[in-house]
Amino acid sequence: MVIAEKIISGDIRAVARLIRDIDDTVPEAREVLKDLYPYTGKAYVVGITGAPGVGKSTLVDQMIAHLRKAKKTVGVLAVDPTSPFSGGAILGDRVRMQRHSMDEGVFIRSMATRGYFGGLTQSTRSAIDVLDAMGKDYIIVETVGVGQDEIDIVRSAHTTIITLVPGMGDDIQALKAGILEVGDIFVINKADREGADRTINDIRLMIEMDEKRYKDGWKPPILTAQAVFDKGVKEILGEIENHRKHLLSSKQMQSIFKYEKARNDLVEMIKDRIVSDVLADIIHSREFEEALQLIMERKIDPYTACDNIVLKKIKKGNK
């Protein structure tokens, strides 16, 4: 409980150490998270996603500046591709948003995807809880931008911002079945580029074609920005606030969001635990080593070996 108390009091070093331990799957971190959970649920979580190169980091940097002027504390989790060598995030904390690094009201941390394609790992979800318990007013989660698979953020964020740039054209149509369907706010960054009007029209048409999705009364606004020049950022924060008020206006919506988040968090946690424990048990078994030997000797194919090992494990588990 000592570490939890330090985090609740805002100890930056304790927070950094715990998030590192979470990312490294240190067993003791789980006990601290249990102590912190009663102190979560107060921060407003904003997810920012979109394809690489659309300027998400620049947008987040400007949002931090505006929120700090408004005396709000901010936590940022930047989910980056995983290094194939170290297993850590390729883009480190120091590379991002350097001008805020000395601000005690801002905490920025890069998180590795570790090969996970949904956009958020369990480590990132746990890190959100840590920053929440720390007392941050806003937590911004910038996800890696892997395309239409990256929709997990909508299950953890109160407001999800989809960032695009002009000229995506047919790419927007291709993404229709995935990432574009989870946006609460659409931002066309680098709006001074040619094709901005067409991109806006494409998104507007897509929203109008799917009106039934917005039965809760919130229709996603489409905003333009030039984040590098701090243009349009104030308006984006204004729409985030409007969406927050919209969510708070209905107890039913609040209840649905809390239920869906709790359900998703528990499902993902159980899934991670089962995969971790079962996989560790299998790869350290005699059957696994025997299968490897047979595969190397070309006496069995890996597909059959996989089927045999998994079916045996399932039958054993059902007994």
Protein backbone atom coordinates (compact mmCIF):
# COMPACT_ATOMS: atom_id res chain seq x y z
CA MET A 1 0.00 0.00 0.00
CA VAL A 2 3.03 2.29 0.44
CA ILE A 3 3.64 2.51 -3.32
CA ALA A 4 -0.07 3.10 -3.94
CA GLU A 5 -0.08 5.96 -1.43
CA LYS A 6 2.89 7.58 -3.18
CA ILE A 7 1.10 7.36 -6.54
CA ILE A 8 -2.15 8.76 -5.14
CA SER A 9 -0.16 11.68 -3.70
CA GLY A 10 1.29 12.36 -7.18
CA ASP A 11 4.82 10.94 -6.83
CA ILE A 12 6.07 11.00 -10.44
CA ARG A 13 8.94 8.58 -9.84
CA ALA A 14 6.65 6.03 -8.22
CA VAL A 15 4.25 6.32 -11.17
CA ALA A 16 7.07 5.91 -13.71
CA ARG A 17 8.43 2.85 -11.90
CA LEU A 18 5.02 1.20 -11.65
CA ILE A 19 4.21 1.76 -15.34
CA ARG A 20 7.63 0.31 -16.24
CA ASP A 21 6.90 -2.72 -14.04
CA ILE A 22 3.47 -3.11 -15.65
CA ASP A 23 5.04 -3.00 -19.12
CA ASP A 24 7.64 -5.58 -18.02
CA THR A 25 4.90 -7.76 -16.43
CA VAL A 26 6.49 -7.71 -12.98
CA PRO A 27 4.13 -9.75 -10.73
CA GLU A 28 4.25 -7.27 -7.82
CA ALA A 29 2.74 -4.53 -10.02
CA ARG A 30 -0.56 -6.39 -10.03
CA GLU A 31 -0.90 -6.03 -6.24
CA VAL A 32 -0.32 -2.26 -6.47
CA LEU A 33 -2.99 -1.99 -9.19
CA LYS A 34 -5.45 -3.70 -6.85
CA ASP A 35 -4.76 -1.04 -4.20
CA LEU A 36 -5.13 1.78 -6.74
CA TYR A 37 -8.40 0.67 -8.34
CA PRO A 38 -10.73 2.29 -5.74
CA TYR A 39 -9.14 5.65 -6.60
CA THR A 40 -9.84 5.43 -10.35
CA GLY A 41 -12.79 6.58 -12.45
CA LYS A 42 -12.34 10.35 -12.14
CA ALA A 43 -10.14 11.25 -15.10
CA TYR A 44 -11.55 12.04 -18.55
CA VAL A 45 -9.92 9.79 -21.14
CA VAL A 46 -9.45 11.01 -24.72
CA GLY A 47 -8.27 8.61 -27.42
CA ILE A 48 -6.53 9.93 -30.52
CA THR A 49 -5.98 7.57 -33.41
CA GLY A 50 -5.34 7.59 -37.14
CA ALA A 51 -2.86 6.44 -39.74
CA PRO A 52 0.88 7.16 -39.35
CA GLY A 53 1.88 10.62 -40.55
CA VAL A 54 -1.39 12.43 -39.88
CA GLY A 55 0.17 14.52 -37.11
CA LYS A 56 -1.28 12.90 -33.99
CA SER A 57 1.73 13.71 -31.81
CA THR A 58 1.75 17.36 -32.86
CA LEU A 59 -1.95 17.60 -32.13
CA VAL A 60 -1.48 16.04 -28.68
CA ASP A 61 1.40 18.43 -27.97
CA GLN A 62 -0.81 21.45 -28.71
CA MET A 63 -3.72 20.01 -26.72
CA ILE A 64 -1.47 19.65 -23.68
CA ALA A 65 -0.48 23.31 -23.96
CA HIS A 66 -4.12 24.45 -24.05
CA LEU A 67 -5.19 22.19 -21.19
CA ARG A 68 -2.32 23.43 -19.02
CA LYS A 69 -3.33 27.05 -19.69
CA ALA A 70 -6.75 26.03 -18.36
CA LYS A 71 -5.01 24.71 -15.20
CA LYS A 72 -5.82 21.07 -16.03
CA THR A 73 -3.36 18.29 -15.27
CA VAL A 74 -2.63 15.91 -18.14
CA GLY A 75 -1.36 12.37 -18.53
CA VAL A 76 -0.28 11.14 -21.97
CA LEU A 77 0.23 7.54 -23.04
CA ALA A 78 1.76 7.31 -26.51
CA VAL A 79 1.45 3.78 -27.85
CA ASP A 80 4.38 3.15 -30.19
CA PRO A 81 5.55 0.25 -32.36
CA THR A 82 7.61 -2.32 -30.48
CA SER A 83 11.33 -2.63 -31.05
CA PRO A 84 12.11 -6.12 -32.42
CA PHE A 85 15.33 -6.11 -30.36
CA SER A 86 14.52 -4.68 -26.93
CA GLY A 87 10.76 -5.24 -26.89
CA GLY A 88 10.29 -1.62 -25.86
CA ALA A 89 8.73 1.36 -27.63
CA ILE A 90 10.75 2.55 -30.63
CA LEU A 91 9.87 6.18 -30.06
CA GLY A 92 10.96 7.11 -26.54
CA ASP A 93 9.46 9.65 -24.15
CA ARG A 94 12.20 12.21 -24.78
CA VAL A 95 11.51 12.36 -28.51
CA ARG A 96 7.92 13.41 -27.95
CA MET A 97 6.57 16.70 -26.64
CA GLN A 98 9.86 17.84 -25.11
CA ARG A 99 8.63 21.28 -24.14
CA HIS A 100 6.31 19.73 -21.51
CA SER A 101 8.93 17.45 -19.96
CA MET A 102 9.68 19.82 -17.06
CA ASP A 103 6.03 20.55 -16.28
CA GLU A 104 4.99 18.73 -13.09
CA GLY A 105 1.36 18.89 -14.24
CA VAL A 106 2.13 16.72 -17.26
CA PHE A 107 3.15 13.06 -17.31
CA ILE A 108 4.15 11.54 -20.67
CA ARG A 109 4.98 7.91 -21.24
CA SER A 110 5.56 5.80 -24.35
CA MET A 111 4.05 2.33 -24.28
CA ALA A 112 5.02 -0.52 -26.62
CA THR A 113 2.39 -2.40 -28.64
CA ARG A 114 4.37 -5.64 -28.15
CA GLY A 115 2.90 -7.01 -31.37
CA TYR A 116 -0.69 -6.34 -30.35
CA PHE A 117 -2.76 -5.09 -33.31
CA GLY A 118 -5.89 -3.83 -31.59
CA GLY A 119 -4.26 -0.56 -30.57
CA LEU A 120 -4.26 -1.09 -26.79
CA THR A 121 -2.50 -3.68 -24.67
CA GLN A 122 -3.49 -4.64 -21.16
CA SER A 123 -0.39 -2.71 -20.03
CA THR A 124 -1.82 0.47 -21.54
CA ARG A 125 -5.21 -0.07 -19.89
CA SER A 126 -3.49 -0.55 -16.54
CA ALA A 127 -1.36 2.56 -17.12
CA ILE A 128 -4.57 4.55 -17.69
CA ASP A 129 -5.73 3.43 -14.24
CA VAL A 130 -2.40 4.49 -12.71
CA LEU A 131 -2.61 8.01 -14.16
CA ASP A 132 -6.26 8.17 -13.13
CA ALA A 133 -5.39 7.26 -9.53
CA MET A 134 -2.54 9.78 -9.68
CA GLY A 135 -5.18 12.47 -10.08
CA LYS A 136 -4.79 13.59 -13.69
CA ASP A 137 -7.78 15.55 -14.99
CA TYR A 138 -7.28 14.40 -18.58
CA ILE A 139 -5.58 11.29 -19.92
CA ILE A 140 -4.76 11.37 -23.63
CA VAL A 141 -4.03 8.03 -25.28
CA GLU A 142 -2.38 8.30 -28.67
CA THR A 143 -2.53 4.94 -30.40
CA VAL A 144 -0.12 3.51 -32.91
CA GLY A 145 -2.21 3.97 -36.06
CA VAL A 146 -2.33 0.55 -37.64
CA GLY A 147 -5.53 1.09 -39.60
CA GLN A 148 -8.99 -0.40 -39.29
CA ASP A 149 -8.00 -3.00 -36.68
CA GLU A 150 -7.22 -0.26 -34.21
CA ILE A 151 -10.60 0.17 -32.56
CA ASP A 152 -9.83 -0.91 -28.97
CA ILE A 153 -9.36 2.68 -27.89
CA VAL A 154 -13.12 3.32 -28.15
CA ARG A 155 -13.68 0.84 -25.31
CA SER A 156 -11.37 2.71 -22.93
CA ALA A 157 -11.81 6.37 -23.93
CA HIS A 158 -14.75 8.62 -23.18
CA THR A 159 -14.09 10.55 -26.40
CA THR A 160 -12.36 9.07 -29.46
CA ILE A 161 -10.82 11.39 -32.06
CA ILE A 162 -10.09 10.09 -35.54
CA THR A 163 -7.33 12.10 -37.20
CA LEU A 164 -6.99 12.19 -40.99
CA VAL A 165 -5.25 14.30 -43.61
CA PRO A 166 -6.47 15.56 -47.00
CA GLY A 167 -5.99 13.32 -49.98
CA MET A 168 -6.81 9.98 -48.35
CA GLY A 169 -9.58 9.52 -50.96
CA ASP A 170 -10.34 5.84 -51.50
CA ASP A 171 -8.49 4.97 -48.28
CA ILE A 172 -11.40 6.48 -46.32
CA GLN A 173 -13.86 4.18 -48.10
CA ALA A 174 -11.61 1.21 -47.36
CA LEU A 175 -11.58 2.10 -43.67
CA LYS A 176 -15.37 2.49 -43.45
CA ALA A 177 -15.97 -0.90 -41.86
CA GLY A 178 -13.37 -0.30 -39.19
CA ILE A 179 -11.77 2.66 -37.55
CA LEU A 180 -14.00 5.40 -39.01
CA GLU A 181 -17.04 3.89 -37.35
CA VAL A 182 -15.74 4.46 -33.81
CA GLY A 183 -15.06 8.20 -34.00
CA ASP A 184 -16.78 10.72 -31.76
CA ILE A 185 -14.90 13.61 -33.41
CA PHE A 186 -13.20 13.71 -36.81
CA VAL A 187 -10.22 16.00 -37.31
CA ILE A 188 -8.76 16.81 -40.73
CA ASN A 189 -5.24 17.85 -39.84
CA LYS A 190 -2.89 19.61 -42.27
CA ALA A 191 -6.06 21.18 -43.67
CA ASP A 192 -4.06 23.64 -45.79
CA ARG A 193 -3.26 20.79 -48.16
CA GLU A 194 -5.10 20.28 -51.42
CA GLY A 195 -8.11 18.00 -51.14
CA ALA A 196 -9.31 19.05 -47.67
CA ASP A 197 -12.83 19.84 -48.88
CA ARG A 198 -13.16 16.47 -50.60
CA THR A 199 -12.01 14.63 -47.48
CA ILE A 200 -14.57 16.53 -45.38
CA ASN A 201 -17.32 15.69 -47.86
CA ASP A 202 -16.32 12.01 -47.91
CA ILE A 203 -16.55 11.76 -44.12
CA ARG A 204 -19.78 13.76 -43.97
CA LEU A 205 -21.36 11.45 -46.58
CA MET A 206 -20.24 8.42 -44.60
CA ILE A 207 -21.77 9.78 -41.39
CA GLU A 208 -25.06 10.63 -43.14
CA MET A 209 -25.23 7.14 -44.63
CA ASP A 210 -24.97 5.61 -41.17
CA GLU A 211 -27.39 7.83 -39.23
CA LYS A 212 -28.76 4.88 -37.24
CA ARG A 213 -25.46 4.63 -35.37
CA TYR A 214 -26.08 8.01 -33.75
CA LYS A 215 -29.34 7.19 -31.98
CA ASP A 216 -27.88 8.48 -28.68
CA GLY A 217 -28.10 12.01 -30.08
CA TRP A 218 -24.40 12.67 -30.71
CA LYS A 219 -23.47 13.22 -34.35
CA PRO A 220 -19.68 13.37 -34.84
CA PRO A 221 -18.48 16.86 -35.82
CA ILE A 222 -15.86 17.24 -38.54
CA LEU A 223 -13.16 19.78 -37.71
CA THR A 224 -10.16 21.11 -39.60
CA ALA A 225 -6.80 21.87 -38.03
CA GLN A 226 -3.21 22.79 -38.70
CA ALA A 227 -1.76 21.47 -35.46
CA VAL A 228 1.78 22.55 -36.22
CA PHE A 229 0.52 26.18 -36.24
CA ASP A 230 -1.92 25.63 -33.34
CA LYS A 231 -4.88 26.27 -35.65
CA GLY A 232 -8.14 24.51 -34.80
CA VAL A 233 -6.87 22.98 -31.54
CA LYS A 234 -9.04 25.21 -29.35
CA GLU A 235 -12.11 24.15 -31.35
CA ILE A 236 -11.19 20.47 -30.93
CA LEU A 237 -11.00 20.87 -27.15
CA GLY A 238 -14.35 22.66 -27.29
CA GLU A 239 -15.96 19.66 -29.01
CA ILE A 240 -14.35 17.29 -26.49
CA GLU A 241 -16.03 19.31 -23.76
CA ASN A 242 -19.34 19.21 -25.66
CA HIS A 243 -19.07 15.43 -25.94
CA ARG A 244 -18.26 15.15 -22.24
CA LYS A 245 -21.38 17.15 -21.39
CA HIS A 246 -23.39 14.95 -23.76
CA LEU A 247 -22.22 11.79 -21.95
CA LEU A 248 -22.97 13.32 -18.55
CA SER A 249 -26.43 14.47 -19.64
CA SER A 250 -27.87 10.97 -19.47
CA LYS A 251 -27.53 8.55 -16.56
CA GLN A 252 -28.38 5.74 -18.95
CA MET A 253 -25.42 6.60 -21.22
CA GLN A 254 -23.10 6.86 -18.21
CA SER A 255 -24.31 3.47 -17.01
CA ILE A 256 -23.85 1.88 -20.44
CA PHE A 257 -20.33 3.30 -20.78
CA LYS A 258 -19.32 2.08 -17.31
CA TYR A 259 -20.79 -1.37 -17.95
CA GLU A 260 -19.12 -1.74 -21.38
CA LYS A 261 -15.76 -0.53 -20.07
CA ALA A 262 -15.85 -2.81 -17.02
CA ARG A 263 -16.93 -5.76 -19.17
CA ASN A 264 -14.25 -5.15 -21.79
CA ASP A 265 -11.52 -4.65 -19.18
CA LEU A 266 -12.44 -7.87 -17.40
CA VAL A 267 -12.72 -9.89 -20.63
CA GLU A 268 -9.32 -8.65 -21.86
CA MET A 269 -7.74 -9.29 -18.46
CA ILE A 270 -9.08 -12.85 -18.33
CA LYS A 271 -7.97 -13.43 -21.93
CA ASP A 272 -4.43 -12.19 -21.21
CA ARG A 273 -4.20 -14.30 -18.05
CA ILE A 274 -5.41 -17.47 -19.77
CA VAL A 275 -3.12 -17.01 -22.78
CA SER A 276 -0.13 -16.22 -20.57
CA ASP A 277 -0.62 -19.09 -18.12
CA VAL A 278 -1.67 -21.74 -20.63
CA LEU A 279 1.04 -20.85 -23.15
CA ALA A 280 3.74 -20.92 -20.45
CA ASP A 281 2.49 -24.34 -19.33
CA ILE A 282 2.52 -25.70 -22.88
CA ILE A 283 5.95 -24.48 -23.99
CA HIS A 284 7.58 -25.91 -20.87
CA SER A 285 5.96 -29.32 -21.31
CA ARG A 286 7.49 -32.58 -22.48
CA GLU A 287 4.91 -32.81 -25.31
CA PHE A 288 6.08 -29.47 -26.72
CA GLU A 289 9.73 -30.52 -26.84
CA GLU A 290 8.81 -33.87 -28.40
CA ALA A 291 6.74 -32.09 -31.05
CA LEU A 292 9.65 -29.76 -31.84
CA GLN A 293 11.95 -32.72 -32.35
CA LEU A 294 9.46 -34.44 -34.67
CA ILE A 295 9.01 -31.25 -36.70
CA MET A 296 12.78 -30.84 -37.12
CA GLU A 297 13.03 -34.48 -38.25
CA ARG A 298 10.17 -33.85 -40.71
CA LYS A 299 8.17 -36.68 -39.13
CA ILE A 300 5.24 -34.36 -38.44
CA ASP A 301 4.09 -30.98 -39.72
CA PRO A 302 3.70 -28.01 -37.31
CA TYR A 303 -0.04 -27.74 -38.04
CA THR A 304 -0.73 -31.28 -36.86
CA ALA A 305 1.59 -30.79 -33.89
CA CYS A 306 -0.31 -27.63 -32.92
CA ASP A 307 -3.68 -29.39 -33.19
CA ASN A 308 -2.47 -32.33 -31.09
CA ILE A 309 -1.04 -30.14 -28.31
CA VAL A 310 -4.03 -27.79 -28.11
CA LEU A 311 -6.66 -30.56 -28.24
CA LYS A 312 -4.82 -32.48 -25.53
CA LYS A 313 -4.70 -29.35 -23.38
CA ILE A 314 -8.42 -28.67 -23.89
CA LYS A 315 -9.38 -32.27 -23.03
CA LYS A 316 -7.20 -32.13 -19.91
CA GLY A 317 -8.80 -28.84 -18.90
CA ASN A 318 -12.33 -30.20 -19.33
CA LYS A 319 -11.75 -33.13 -16.99
